[in-house]
C-alpha atoms as a PDB file:
ATOM      1  CA  GLY A   1       0.000   0.000   0.000  1.00  0.00           C
ATOM      2  CA  GLY A   2       0.845   3.644  -0.081  1.00  0.00           C
ATOM      3  CA  ARG A   3       2.901   5.576  -2.545  1.00  0.00           C
ATOM      4  CA  PRO A   4       6.590   4.987  -1.849  1.00  0.00           C
ATOM      5  CA  TRP A   5       7.559   7.607  -4.478  1.00  0.00           C
ATOM      6  CA  ALA A   6       5.536  10.420  -2.823  1.00  0.00           C
ATOM      7  CA  PRO A   7       8.338  11.836  -0.604  1.00  0.00           C
ATOM      8  CA  LEU A   8      10.729  11.952  -3.559  1.00  0.00           C
ATOM      9  CA  PHE A   9       8.130  13.713  -5.702  1.00  0.00           C
ATOM     10  CA  LEU A  10       7.318  16.290  -2.997  1.00  0.00           C
ATOM     11  CA  ASP A  11      11.019  16.985  -2.380  1.00  0.00           C
ATOM     12  CA  ALA A  12      11.403  17.797  -6.088  1.00  0.00           C
ATOM     13  CA  LEU A  13       8.853  20.637  -5.837  1.00  0.00           C
ATOM     14  CA  ALA A  14       9.686  24.158  -4.665  1.00  0.00           C
ATOM     15  CA  ALA A  15       8.755  25.384  -1.200  1.00  0.00           C
ATOM     16  CA  PRO A  16       7.621  28.928  -0.395  1.00  0.00           C
ATOM     17  CA  GLY A  17      10.396  31.057   1.062  1.00  0.00           C
ATOM     18  CA  ALA A  18      13.168  28.796  -0.243  1.00  0.00           C
ATOM     19  CA  SER A  19      15.581  29.889  -2.923  1.00  0.00           C
ATOM     20  CA  GLY A  20      13.931  29.577  -6.327  1.00  0.00           C
ATOM     21  CA  THR A  21      10.641  30.289  -8.013  1.00  0.00           C
ATOM     22  CA  LEU A  22       8.569  30.505  -4.807  1.00  0.00           C
ATOM     23  CA  GLU A  23      11.132  32.497  -2.825  1.00  0.00           C
ATOM     24  CA  ARG A  24       8.886  35.558  -2.454  1.00  0.00           C
ATOM     25  CA  ARG A  25       5.546  33.812  -2.724  1.00  0.00           C
ATOM     26  CA  LEU A  26       3.144  32.306  -0.185  1.00  0.00           C
ATOM     27  CA  PRO A  27       4.794  33.488   3.068  1.00  0.00           C
ATOM     28  CA  GLY A  28       3.495  31.552   6.040  1.00  0.00           C
ATOM     29  CA  LEU A  29       2.887  28.396   4.010  1.00  0.00           C
ATOM     30  CA  GLU A  30       6.492  27.174   3.968  1.00  0.00           C
ATOM     31  CA  GLU A  31       5.544  23.908   5.710  1.00  0.00           C
ATOM     32  CA  SER A  32       2.224  23.418   3.890  1.00  0.00           C
ATOM     33  CA  VAL A  33       2.854  23.908   0.164  1.00  0.00           C
ATOM     34  CA  ARG A  34       5.060  22.322  -2.478  1.00  0.00           C
ATOM     35  CA  ALA A  35       4.583  23.535  -6.039  1.00  0.00           C
ATOM     36  CA  LYS A  36       6.042  24.119  -9.493  1.00  0.00           C
ATOM     37  CA  THR A  37       5.655  27.351 -11.420  1.00  0.00           C
ATOM     38  CA  GLY A  38       5.590  27.761 -15.159  1.00  0.00           C
ATOM     39  CA  THR A  39       5.485  30.883 -17.290  1.00  0.00           C
ATOM     40  CA  ILE A  40       5.565  31.478 -21.014  1.00  0.00           C
ATOM     41  CA  SER A  41       4.421  34.484 -22.997  1.00  0.00           C
ATOM     42  CA  GLY A  42       0.860  35.226 -21.905  1.00  0.00           C
ATOM     43  CA  VAL A  43       0.524  32.198 -19.611  1.00  0.00           C
ATOM     44  CA  SER A  44       1.190  31.603 -15.906  1.00  0.00           C
ATOM     45  CA  ASN A  45       0.875  28.247 -14.136  1.00  0.00           C
ATOM     46  CA  LEU A  46       1.160  27.007 -10.556  1.00  0.00           C
ATOM     47  CA  ALA A  47       0.692  23.316  -9.749  1.00  0.00           C
ATOM     48  CA  GLY A  48       1.414  21.308  -6.649  1.00  0.00           C
ATOM     49  CA  VAL A  49       0.043  20.127  -3.334  1.00  0.00           C
ATOM     50  CA  VAL A  50      -1.136  21.874  -0.182  1.00  0.00           C
ATOM     51  CA  GLU A  51      -1.648  20.395   3.264  1.00  0.00           C
ATOM     52  CA  ALA A  52      -5.176  21.388   4.306  1.00  0.00           C
ATOM     53  CA  PRO A  53      -7.134  20.610   7.492  1.00  0.00           C
ATOM     54  CA  GLY A  54      -8.879  17.699   5.725  1.00  0.00           C
ATOM     55  CA  GLY A  55      -5.737  16.285   4.123  1.00  0.00           C
ATOM     56  CA  ARG A  56      -3.489  16.872   1.148  1.00  0.00           C
ATOM     57  CA  ILE A  57      -5.025  18.610  -1.893  1.00  0.00           C
ATOM     58  CA  ALA A  58      -3.472  18.598  -5.375  1.00  0.00           C
ATOM     59  CA  PHE A  59      -4.031  21.717  -7.466  1.00  0.00           C
ATOM     60  CA  ALA A  60      -3.186  23.142 -10.879  1.00  0.00           C
ATOM     61  CA  ILE A  61      -3.969  26.737 -11.858  1.00  0.00           C
ATOM     62  CA  LEU A  62      -3.357  27.838 -15.433  1.00  0.00           C
ATOM     63  CA  ILE A  63      -4.093  31.426 -16.412  1.00  0.00           C
ATOM     64  CA  SER A  64      -3.781  32.423 -20.041  1.00  0.00           C
ATOM     65  CA  GLN A  65      -4.184  35.538 -22.151  1.00  0.00           C
ATOM     66  CA  LEU A  66      -2.205  37.715 -19.741  1.00  0.00           C
ATOM     67  CA  ARG A  67      -1.747  41.215 -21.051  1.00  0.00           C
ATOM     68  CA  GLU A  68       0.312  42.995 -18.402  1.00  0.00           C
ATOM     69  CA  GLY A  69       2.754  40.442 -17.058  1.00  0.00           C
ATOM     70  CA  SER A  70       2.174  37.624 -14.617  1.00  0.00           C
ATOM     71  CA  SER A  71       2.046  39.506 -11.282  1.00  0.00           C
ATOM     72  CA  GLY A  72      -1.774  39.659 -11.210  1.00  0.00           C
ATOM     73  CA  ALA A  73      -2.006  36.000 -12.129  1.00  0.00           C
ATOM     74  CA  GLN A  74       0.499  35.065  -9.425  1.00  0.00           C
ATOM     75  CA  GLY A  75      -1.509  37.002  -6.850  1.00  0.00           C
ATOM     76  CA  PHE A  76      -4.666  35.133  -7.857  1.00  0.00           C
ATOM     77  CA  GLN A  77      -2.828  31.790  -7.742  1.00  0.00           C
ATOM     78  CA  ASP A  78      -1.414  32.540  -4.295  1.00  0.00           C
ATOM     79  CA  ASP A  79      -4.834  33.619  -2.971  1.00  0.00           C
ATOM     80  CA  PHE A  80      -6.358  30.409  -4.335  1.00  0.00           C
ATOM     81  CA  VAL A  81      -3.719  28.237  -2.622  1.00  0.00           C
ATOM     82  CA  ARG A  82      -4.233  30.144   0.652  1.00  0.00           C
ATOM     83  CA  LEU A  83      -7.961  29.471   0.363  1.00  0.00           C
ATOM     84  CA  LEU A  84      -7.276  25.755  -0.090  1.00  0.00           C
ATOM     85  CA  SER A  85      -4.956  25.702   2.920  1.00  0.00           C
ATOM     86  CA  ARG A  86      -7.360  27.784   5.023  1.00  0.00           C
ATOM     87  CA  LYS A  87      -4.417  29.849   6.318  1.00  0.00           C
END
């Protein structure tokens, strides 16, 4: 039973506050979120897992047709993850 690969997978994802793509994102969720960002022209993505009161939740948020950079999209993504975590 179980998923023996899960710890390895989670360790491969970025953590908020750590050096890298989530360094300045999701403060306060350093122990609760592991995620991967992705950005190309006009598109911003955040996918990962969040530890919530009811258990672990997987999420993927893709926002396309951005006109003024990805900062607004990142704010929405971060708010969504905070809502999932209830923190």
